[in-house]
Amino acid sequence: NGALIFSSGKNLGVFKAAGWPEDVANFYRIQDYK
């Protein structure tokens, strides 16, 4: 219905998309997460 839950745990997060690893990492600024 136009919504997709792709991550559902505690104190964690999934970050993904259709793209190359560098582009997806830069899209979410993966370096800002620890």
PDB file of all heavy atoms in Angstrom:
ATOM      1  N   ASN A   1       0.812  -1.218   0.000  1.00  0.00           N
ATOM      2  CA  ASN A   1       0.000   0.000   0.000  1.00  0.00           C
ATOM      3  C   ASN A   1       0.842   1.263   0.000  1.00  0.00           C
ATOM      4  O   ASN A   1       0.424   2.300   0.514  1.00  0.00           O
ATOM      5  CB  ASN A   1      -0.938  -0.006   1.211  1.00  0.00           C
ATOM      6  CG  ASN A   1      -0.177  -0.043   2.525  1.00  0.00           C
ATOM      7  OD1 ASN A   1       1.054  -0.141   2.540  1.00  0.00           O
ATOM      8  ND2 ASN A   1      -0.900   0.053   3.632  1.00  0.00           N
ATOM      9  N   GLY A   2       2.040   1.200  -0.578  1.00  0.00           N
ATOM     10  CA  GLY A   2       2.876   2.390  -0.660  1.00  0.00           C
ATOM     11  C   GLY A   2       3.814   2.572   0.501  1.00  0.00           C
ATOM     12  O   GLY A   2       4.510   3.594   0.579  1.00  0.00           O
ATOM     13  N   ALA A   3       3.843   1.605   1.429  1.00  0.00           N
ATOM     14  CA  ALA A   3       4.776   1.639   2.555  1.00  0.00           C
ATOM     15  C   ALA A   3       5.427   0.273   2.683  1.00  0.00           C
ATOM     16  O   ALA A   3       4.765  -0.759   2.530  1.00  0.00           O
ATOM     17  CB  ALA A   3       4.060   1.997   3.856  1.00  0.00           C
ATOM     18  N   LEU A   4       6.723   0.251   2.952  1.00  0.00           N
ATOM     19  CA  LEU A   4       7.470  -0.991   3.099  1.00  0.00           C
ATOM     20  C   LEU A   4       8.365  -0.880   4.323  1.00  0.00           C
ATOM     21  O   LEU A   4       9.223   0.001   4.393  1.00  0.00           O
ATOM     22  CB  LEU A   4       8.325  -1.243   1.853  1.00  0.00           C
ATOM     23  CG  LEU A   4       9.117  -2.546   1.839  1.00  0.00           C
ATOM     24  CD1 LEU A   4       8.200  -3.711   1.476  1.00  0.00           C
ATOM     25  CD2 LEU A   4      10.270  -2.468   0.842  1.00  0.00           C
ATOM     26  N   ILE A   5       8.161  -1.753   5.308  1.00  0.00           N
ATOM     27  CA  ILE A   5       9.007  -1.780   6.499  1.00  0.00           C
ATOM     28  C   ILE A   5      10.201  -2.678   6.206  1.00  0.00           C
ATOM     29  O   ILE A   5      10.052  -3.885   6.012  1.00  0.00           O
ATOM     30  CB  ILE A   5       8.245  -2.294   7.731  1.00  0.00           C
ATOM     31  CG1 ILE A   5       7.029  -1.408   8.017  1.00  0.00           C
ATOM     32  CG2 ILE A   5       9.170  -2.327   8.950  1.00  0.00           C
ATOM     33  CD1 ILE A   5       6.138  -1.916   9.144  1.00  0.00           C
ATOM     34  N   PHE A   6      11.402  -2.104   6.160  1.00  0.00           N
ATOM     35  CA  PHE A   6      12.568  -2.897   5.798  1.00  0.00           C
ATOM     36  C   PHE A   6      13.576  -3.042   6.929  1.00  0.00           C
ATOM     37  O   PHE A   6      14.634  -3.653   6.752  1.00  0.00           O
ATOM     38  CB  PHE A   6      13.259  -2.306   4.559  1.00  0.00           C
ATOM     39  CG  PHE A   6      13.802  -0.903   4.719  1.00  0.00           C
ATOM     40  CD1 PHE A   6      15.133  -0.686   5.028  1.00  0.00           C
ATOM     41  CD2 PHE A   6      12.982   0.201   4.540  1.00  0.00           C
ATOM     42  CE1 PHE A   6      15.649   0.593   5.160  1.00  0.00           C
ATOM     43  CE2 PHE A   6      13.478   1.484   4.674  1.00  0.00           C
ATOM     44  CZ  PHE A   6      14.819   1.687   4.987  1.00  0.00           C
ATOM     45  N   SER A   7      13.253  -2.525   8.104  1.00  0.00           N
ATOM     46  CA  SER A   7      14.108  -2.670   9.280  1.00  0.00           C
ATOM     47  C   SER A   7      13.228  -2.531  10.504  1.00  0.00           C
ATOM     48  O   SER A   7      12.423  -1.593  10.585  1.00  0.00           O
ATOM     49  CB  SER A   7      15.212  -1.603   9.263  1.00  0.00           C
ATOM     50  OG  SER A   7      16.117  -1.760  10.324  1.00  0.00           O
ATOM     51  N   SER A   8      13.369  -3.463  11.486  1.00  0.00           N
ATOM     52  CA  SER A   8      12.383  -3.480  12.567  1.00  0.00           C
ATOM     53  C   SER A   8      12.945  -3.915  13.905  1.00  0.00           C
ATOM     54  O   SER A   8      12.201  -4.390  14.758  1.00  0.00           O
ATOM     55  CB  SER A   8      11.217  -4.415  12.180  1.00  0.00           C
ATOM     56  OG  SER A   8      11.695  -5.708  11.849  1.00  0.00           O
ATOM     57  N   GLY A   9      14.249  -3.756  14.130  1.00  0.00           N
ATOM     58  CA  GLY A   9      14.850  -4.185  15.382  1.00  0.00           C
ATOM     59  C   GLY A   9      15.083  -3.050  16.356  1.00  0.00           C
ATOM     60  O   GLY A   9      14.795  -1.889  16.074  1.00  0.00           O
ATOM     61  N   LYS A  10      15.633  -3.385  17.504  1.00  0.00           N
ATOM     62  CA  LYS A  10      15.962  -2.408  18.528  1.00  0.00           C
ATOM     63  C   LYS A  10      17.421  -1.973  18.393  1.00  0.00           C
ATOM     64  O   LYS A  10      18.320  -2.809  18.276  1.00  0.00           O
ATOM     65  CB  LYS A  10      15.741  -2.987  19.932  1.00  0.00           C
ATOM     66  CG  LYS A  10      14.285  -3.128  20.331  1.00  0.00           C
ATOM     67  CD  LYS A  10      14.185  -3.608  21.774  1.00  0.00           C
ATOM     68  CE  LYS A  10      12.736  -3.646  22.251  1.00  0.00           C
ATOM     69  NZ  LYS A  10      12.632  -4.073  23.672  1.00  0.00           N
ATOM     70  N   ASN A  11      17.645  -0.674  18.424  1.00  0.00           N
ATOM     71  CA  ASN A  11      18.991  -0.100  18.436  1.00  0.00           C
ATOM     72  C   ASN A  11      19.813  -0.564  17.231  1.00  0.00           C
ATOM     73  O   ASN A  11      21.006  -0.834  17.341  1.00  0.00           O
ATOM     74  CB  ASN A  11      19.713  -0.446  19.735  1.00  0.00           C
ATOM     75  CG  ASN A  11      20.865   0.504  20.035  1.00  0.00           C
ATOM     76  OD1 ASN A  11      20.997   1.573  19.436  1.00  0.00           O
ATOM     77  ND2 ASN A  11      21.719   0.118  20.964  1.00  0.00           N
ATOM     78  N   LEU A  12      19.164  -0.665  16.095  1.00  0.00           N
ATOM     79  CA  LEU A  12      19.843  -1.021  14.844  1.00  0.00           C
ATOM     80  C   LEU A  12      19.094  -0.365  13.698  1.00  0.00           C
ATOM     81  O   LEU A  12      17.945   0.059  13.842  1.00  0.00           O
ATOM     82  CB  LEU A  12      19.906  -2.539  14.656  1.00  0.00           C
ATOM     83  CG  LEU A  12      18.599  -3.290  14.416  1.00  0.00           C
ATOM     84  CD1 LEU A  12      18.240  -3.379  12.926  1.00  0.00           C
ATOM     85  CD2 LEU A  12      18.684  -4.705  14.981  1.00  0.00           C
ATOM     86  N   GLY A  13      19.754  -0.308  12.552  1.00  0.00           N
ATOM     87  CA  GLY A  13      19.103   0.261  11.388  1.00  0.00           C
ATOM     88  C   GLY A  13      19.690  -0.267  10.103  1.00  0.00           C
ATOM     89  O   GLY A  13      20.910  -0.407   9.976  1.00  0.00           O
ATOM     90  N   VAL A  14      18.807  -0.581   9.136  1.00  0.00           N
ATOM     91  CA  VAL A  14      19.203  -0.972   7.788  1.00  0.00           C
ATOM     92  C   VAL A  14      19.121   0.251   6.889  1.00  0.00           C
ATOM     93  O   VAL A  14      18.167   1.033   6.975  1.00  0.00           O
ATOM     94  CB  VAL A  14      18.291  -2.091   7.250  1.00  0.00           C
ATOM     95  CG1 VAL A  14      18.587  -2.374   5.776  1.00  0.00           C
ATOM     96  CG2 VAL A  14      18.441  -3.356   8.079  1.00  0.00           C
ATOM     97  N   PHE A  15      20.109   0.405   6.024  1.00  0.00           N
ATOM     98  CA  PHE A  15      20.152   1.500   5.065  1.00  0.00           C
ATOM     99  C   PHE A  15      20.478   0.895   3.703  1.00  0.00           C
ATOM    100  O   PHE A  15      21.597   0.410   3.491  1.00  0.00           O
ATOM    101  CB  PHE A  15      21.215   2.531   5.465  1.00  0.00           C
ATOM    102  CG  PHE A  15      21.030   3.071   6.857  1.00  0.00           C
ATOM    103  CD1 PHE A  15      21.621   2.442   7.951  1.00  0.00           C
ATOM    104  CD2 PHE A  15      20.237   4.180   7.086  1.00  0.00           C
ATOM    105  CE1 PHE A  15      21.445   2.923   9.240  1.00  0.00           C
ATOM    106  CE2 PHE A  15      20.053   4.674   8.379  1.00  0.00           C
ATOM    107  CZ  PHE A  15      20.658   4.045   9.451  1.00  0.00           C
ATOM    108  N   LYS A  16      19.521   0.897   2.783  1.00  0.00           N
ATOM    109  CA  LYS A  16      19.754   0.242   1.504  1.00  0.00           C
ATOM    110  C   LYS A  16      18.990   0.944   0.389  1.00  0.00           C
ATOM    111  O   LYS A  16      18.056   1.718   0.629  1.00  0.00           O
ATOM    112  CB  LYS A  16      19.360  -1.234   1.574  1.00  0.00           C
ATOM    113  CG  LYS A  16      17.876  -1.512   1.859  1.00  0.00           C
ATOM    114  CD  LYS A  16      17.659  -3.017   1.953  1.00  0.00           C
ATOM    115  CE  LYS A  16      16.203  -3.379   2.168  1.00  0.00           C
ATOM    116  NZ  LYS A  16      15.999  -4.850   2.192  1.00  0.00           N
ATOM    117  N   ALA A  17      19.401   0.661  -0.845  1.00  0.00           N
ATOM    118  CA  ALA A  17      18.784   1.264  -2.016  1.00  0.00           C
ATOM    119  C   ALA A  17      19.299   0.546  -3.252  1.00  0.00           C
ATOM    120  O   ALA A  17      20.191  -0.307  -3.170  1.00  0.00           O
ATOM    121  CB  ALA A  17      19.095   2.764  -2.099  1.00  0.00           C
ATOM    122  N   ALA A  18      18.753   0.886  -4.415  1.00  0.00           N
ATOM    123  CA  ALA A  18      19.239   0.353  -5.679  1.00  0.00           C
ATOM    124  C   ALA A  18      20.359   1.264  -6.173  1.00  0.00           C
ATOM    125  O   ALA A  18      20.102   2.379  -6.643  1.00  0.00           O
ATOM    126  CB  ALA A  18      18.104   0.279  -6.698  1.00  0.00           C
ATOM    127  N   GLY A  19      21.599   0.804  -6.032  1.00  0.00           N
ATOM    128  CA  GLY A  19      22.740   1.607  -6.439  1.00  0.00           C
ATOM    129  C   GLY A  19      24.034   0.916  -6.085  1.00  0.00           C
ATOM    130  O   GLY A  19      24.044  -0.171  -5.487  1.00  0.00           O
ATOM    131  N   TRP A  20      25.147   1.527  -6.444  1.00  0.00           N
ATOM    132  CA  TRP A  20      26.468   1.015  -6.093  1.00  0.00           C
ATOM    133  C   TRP A  20      26.768   1.267  -4.617  1.00  0.00           C
ATOM    134  O   TRP A  20      26.183   2.177  -4.013  1.00  0.00           O
ATOM    135  CB  TRP A  20      27.540   1.672  -6.954  1.00  0.00           C
ATOM    136  CG  TRP A  20      27.501   1.270  -8.393  1.00  0.00           C
ATOM    137  CD1 TRP A  20      26.981   1.983  -9.439  1.00  0.00           C
ATOM    138  CD2 TRP A  20      28.002   0.044  -8.953  1.00  0.00           C
ATOM    139  NE1 TRP A  20      27.128   1.296 -10.617  1.00  0.00           N
ATOM    140  CE2 TRP A  20      27.757   0.087 -10.349  1.00  0.00           C
ATOM    141  CE3 TRP A  20      28.630  -1.076  -8.419  1.00  0.00           C
ATOM    142  CZ2 TRP A  20      28.115  -0.938 -11.219  1.00  0.00           C
ATOM    143  CZ3 TRP A  20      28.996  -2.111  -9.273  1.00  0.00           C
ATOM    144  CH2 TRP A  20      28.740  -2.045 -10.653  1.00  0.00           C
ATOM    145  N   PRO A  21      27.671   0.485  -4.020  1.00  0.00           N
ATOM    146  CA  PRO A  21      27.979   0.665  -2.598  1.00  0.00           C
ATOM    147  C   PRO A  21      28.361   2.082  -2.215  1.00  0.00           C
ATOM    148  O   PRO A  21      27.904   2.600  -1.179  1.00  0.00           O
ATOM    149  CB  PRO A  21      29.157  -0.295  -2.376  1.00  0.00           C
ATOM    150  CG  PRO A  21      28.956  -1.366  -3.380  1.00  0.00           C
ATOM    151  CD  PRO A  21      28.391  -0.690  -4.596  1.00  0.00           C
ATOM    152  N   GLU A  22      29.183   2.748  -3.038  1.00  0.00           N
ATOM    153  CA  GLU A  22      29.605   4.118  -2.709  1.00  0.00           C
ATOM    154  C   GLU A  22      28.425   5.077  -2.729  1.00  0.00           C
ATOM    155  O   GLU A  22      28.289   5.936  -1.849  1.00  0.00           O
ATOM    156  CB  GLU A  22      30.665   4.610  -3.709  1.00  0.00           C
ATOM    157  CG  GLU A  22      31.863   3.686  -3.849  1.00  0.00           C
ATOM    158  CD  GLU A  22      31.721   2.690  -4.977  1.00  0.00           C
ATOM    159  OE1 GLU A  22      30.613   2.125  -5.149  1.00  0.00           O
ATOM    160  OE2 GLU A  22      32.714   2.481  -5.697  1.00  0.00           O
ATOM    161  N   ASP A  23      27.558   4.916  -3.735  1.00  0.00           N
ATOM    162  CA  ASP A  23      26.427   5.837  -3.861  1.00  0.00           C
ATOM    163  C   ASP A  23      25.432   5.655  -2.723  1.00  0.00           C
ATOM    164  O   ASP A  23      24.898   6.631  -2.181  1.00  0.00           O
ATOM    165  CB  ASP A  23      25.729   5.626  -5.208  1.00  0.00           C
ATOM    166  CG  ASP A  23      26.577   6.064  -6.386  1.00  0.00           C
ATOM    167  OD1 ASP A  23      27.422   6.966  -6.204  1.00  0.00           O
ATOM    168  OD2 ASP A  23      26.406   5.500  -7.479  1.00  0.00           O
ATOM    169  N   VAL A  24      25.160   4.386  -2.358  1.00  0.00           N
ATOM    170  CA  VAL A  24      24.213   4.138  -1.269  1.00  0.00           C
ATOM    171  C   VAL A  24      24.793   4.635   0.056  1.00  0.00           C
ATOM    172  O   VAL A  24      24.078   5.254   0.865  1.00  0.00           O
ATOM    173  CB  VAL A  24      23.864   2.633  -1.192  1.00  0.00           C
ATOM    174  CG1 VAL A  24      22.996   2.343   0.031  1.00  0.00           C
ATOM    175  CG2 VAL A  24      23.156   2.195  -2.467  1.00  0.00           C
ATOM    176  N   ALA A  25      26.081   4.406   0.274  1.00  0.00           N
ATOM    177  CA  ALA A  25      26.727   4.893   1.502  1.00  0.00           C
ATOM    178  C   ALA A  25      26.689   6.409   1.565  1.00  0.00           C
ATOM    179  O   ALA A  25      26.393   6.995   2.620  1.00  0.00           O
ATOM    180  CB  ALA A  25      28.169   4.399   1.570  1.00  0.00           C
ATOM    181  N   ASN A  26      26.963   7.073   0.462  1.00  0.00           N
ATOM    182  CA  ASN A  26      26.939   8.534   0.440  1.00  0.00           C
ATOM    183  C   ASN A  26      25.515   9.081   0.544  1.00  0.00           C
ATOM    184  O   ASN A  26      25.289  10.149   1.114  1.00  0.00           O
ATOM    185  CB  ASN A  26      27.597   9.053  -0.840  1.00  0.00           C
ATOM    186  CG  ASN A  26      29.083   8.746  -0.891  1.00  0.00           C
ATOM    187  OD1 ASN A  26      29.708   8.508   0.145  1.00  0.00           O
ATOM    188  ND2 ASN A  26      29.646   8.729  -2.086  1.00  0.00           N
ATOM    189  N   PHE A  27      24.557   8.347  -0.013  1.00  0.00           N
ATOM    190  CA  PHE A  27      23.153   8.743   0.041  1.00  0.00           C
ATOM    191  C   PHE A  27      22.675   8.850   1.489  1.00  0.00           C
ATOM    192  O   PHE A  27      21.966   9.784   1.863  1.00  0.00           O
ATOM    193  CB  PHE A  27      22.322   7.720  -0.737  1.00  0.00           C
ATOM    194  CG  PHE A  27      20.847   7.980  -0.764  1.00  0.00           C
ATOM    195  CD1 PHE A  27      20.321   9.041  -1.475  1.00  0.00           C
ATOM    196  CD2 PHE A  27      19.966   7.133  -0.103  1.00  0.00           C
ATOM    197  CE1 PHE A  27      18.940   9.271  -1.515  1.00  0.00           C
ATOM    198  CE2 PHE A  27      18.594   7.341  -0.134  1.00  0.00           C
ATOM    199  CZ  PHE A  27      18.076   8.421  -0.852  1.00  0.00           C
ATOM    200  N   TYR A  28      23.100   7.890   2.315  1.00  0.00           N
ATOM    201  CA  TYR A  28      22.697   7.888   3.724  1.00  0.00           C
ATOM    202  C   TYR A  28      23.765   8.482   4.652  1.00  0.00           C
ATOM    203  O   TYR A  28      23.529   8.564   5.858  1.00  0.00           O
ATOM    204  CB  TYR A  28      22.417   6.456   4.185  1.00  0.00           C
ATOM    205  CG  TYR A  28      21.168   5.835   3.617  1.00  0.00           C
ATOM    206  CD1 TYR A  28      21.241   4.854   2.632  1.00  0.00           C
ATOM    207  CD2 TYR A  28      19.904   6.211   4.069  1.00  0.00           C
ATOM    208  CE1 TYR A  28      20.096   4.253   2.117  1.00  0.00           C
ATOM    209  CE2 TYR A  28      18.748   5.622   3.567  1.00  0.00           C
ATOM    210  CZ  TYR A  28      18.853   4.646   2.591  1.00  0.00           C
ATOM    211  OH  TYR A  28      17.714   4.057   2.082  1.00  0.00           O
ATOM    212  N   ARG A  29      24.921   8.858   4.108  1.00  0.00           N
ATOM    213  CA  ARG A  29      26.069   9.280   4.917  1.00  0.00           C
ATOM    214  C   ARG A  29      26.347   8.259   6.020  1.00  0.00           C
ATOM    215  O   ARG A  29      26.286   8.540   7.212  1.00  0.00           O
ATOM    216  CB  ARG A  29      25.868  10.677   5.503  1.00  0.00           C
ATOM    217  CG  ARG A  29      25.990  11.799   4.483  1.00  0.00           C
ATOM    218  CD  ARG A  29      26.012  13.178   5.119  1.00  0.00           C
ATOM    219  NE  ARG A  29      27.158  13.355   6.002  1.00  0.00           N
ATOM    220  CZ  ARG A  29      28.358  13.747   5.597  1.00  0.00           C
ATOM    221  NH1 ARG A  29      28.591  13.991   4.315  1.00  0.00           N
ATOM    222  NH2 ARG A  29      29.346  13.885   6.468  1.00  0.00           N
ATOM    223  N   ILE A  30      26.660   7.057   5.569  1.00  0.00           N
ATOM    224  CA  ILE A  30      26.923   5.934   6.470  1.00  0.00           C
ATOM    225  C   ILE A  30      28.022   6.273   7.480  1.00  0.00           C
ATOM    226  O   ILE A  30      28.021   5.798   8.626  1.00  0.00           O
ATOM    227  CB  ILE A  30      27.293   4.686   5.641  1.00  0.00           C
ATOM    228  CG1 ILE A  30      26.050   4.122   4.950  1.00  0.00           C
ATOM    229  CG2 ILE A  30      27.951   3.616   6.500  1.00  0.00           C
ATOM    230  CD1 ILE A  30      24.970   3.664   5.904  1.00  0.00           C
ATOM    231  N   GLN A  31      28.966   7.123   7.085  1.00  0.00           N
ATOM    232  CA  GLN A  31      30.072   7.481   7.985  1.00  0.00           C
ATOM    233  C   GLN A  31      29.598   8.227   9.233  1.00  0.00           C
ATOM    234  O   GLN A  31      30.335   8.326  10.215  1.00  0.00           O
ATOM    235  CB  GLN A  31      31.124   8.308   7.247  1.00  0.00           C
ATOM    236  CG  GLN A  31      30.643   9.673   6.780  1.00  0.00           C
ATOM    237  CD  GLN A  31      30.101   9.647   5.365  1.00  0.00           C
ATOM    238  OE1 GLN A  31      29.572   8.638   4.907  1.00  0.00           O
ATOM    239  NE2 GLN A  31      30.261  10.760   4.658  1.00  0.00           N
ATOM    240  N   ASP A  32      28.370   8.742   9.212  1.00  0.00           N
ATOM    241  CA  ASP A  32      27.842   9.464  10.368  1.00  0.00           C
ATOM    242  C   ASP A  32      27.265   8.531  11.432  1.00  0.00           C
ATOM    243  O   ASP A  32      26.931   8.984  12.530  1.00  0.00           O
ATOM    244  CB  ASP A  32      26.754  10.450   9.921  1.00  0.00           C
ATOM    245  CG  ASP A  32      27.319  11.590   9.091  1.00  0.00           C
ATOM    246  OD1 ASP A  32      28.553  11.770   9.079  1.00  0.00           O
ATOM    247  OD2 ASP A  32      26.527  12.302   8.441  1.00  0.00           O
ATOM    248  N   TYR A  33      27.124   7.256  11.121  1.00  0.00           N
ATOM    249  CA  TYR A  33      26.579   6.286  12.071  1.00  0.00           C
ATOM    250  C   TYR A  33      27.713   5.480  12.697  1.00  0.00           C
ATOM    251  O   TYR A  33      28.688   5.136  12.025  1.00  0.00           O
ATOM    252  CB  TYR A  33      25.603   5.335  11.368  1.00  0.00           C
ATOM    253  CG  TYR A  33      24.351   6.010  10.869  1.00  0.00           C
ATOM    254  CD1 TYR A  33      24.284   6.527   9.574  1.00  0.00           C
ATOM    255  CD2 TYR A  33      23.233   6.149  11.685  1.00  0.00           C
ATOM    256  CE1 TYR A  33      23.138   7.150   9.100  1.00  0.00           C
ATOM    257  CE2 TYR A  33      22.083   6.773  11.229  1.00  0.00           C
ATOM    258  CZ  TYR A  33      22.039   7.272   9.937  1.00  0.00           C
ATOM    259  OH  TYR A  33      20.909   7.891   9.480  1.00  0.00           O
ATOM    260  N   LYS A  34      27.563   5.177  13.990  1.00  0.00           N
ATOM    261  CA  LYS A  34      28.569   4.400  14.701  1.00  0.00           C
ATOM    262  C   LYS A  34      27.913   3.187  15.340  1.00  0.00           C
ATOM    263  O   LYS A  34      26.957   3.309  16.100  1.00  0.00           O
ATOM    264  CB  LYS A  34      29.245   5.252  15.784  1.00  0.00           C
ATOM    265  CG  LYS A  34      30.094   6.388  15.222  1.00  0.00           C
ATOM    266  CD  LYS A  34      30.788   7.157  16.332  1.00  0.00           C
ATOM    267  CE  LYS A  34      31.669   8.261  15.758  1.00  0.00           C
ATOM    268  NZ  LYS A  34      32.384   9.013  16.818  1.00  0.00           N
TER     269      LYS A  34
END
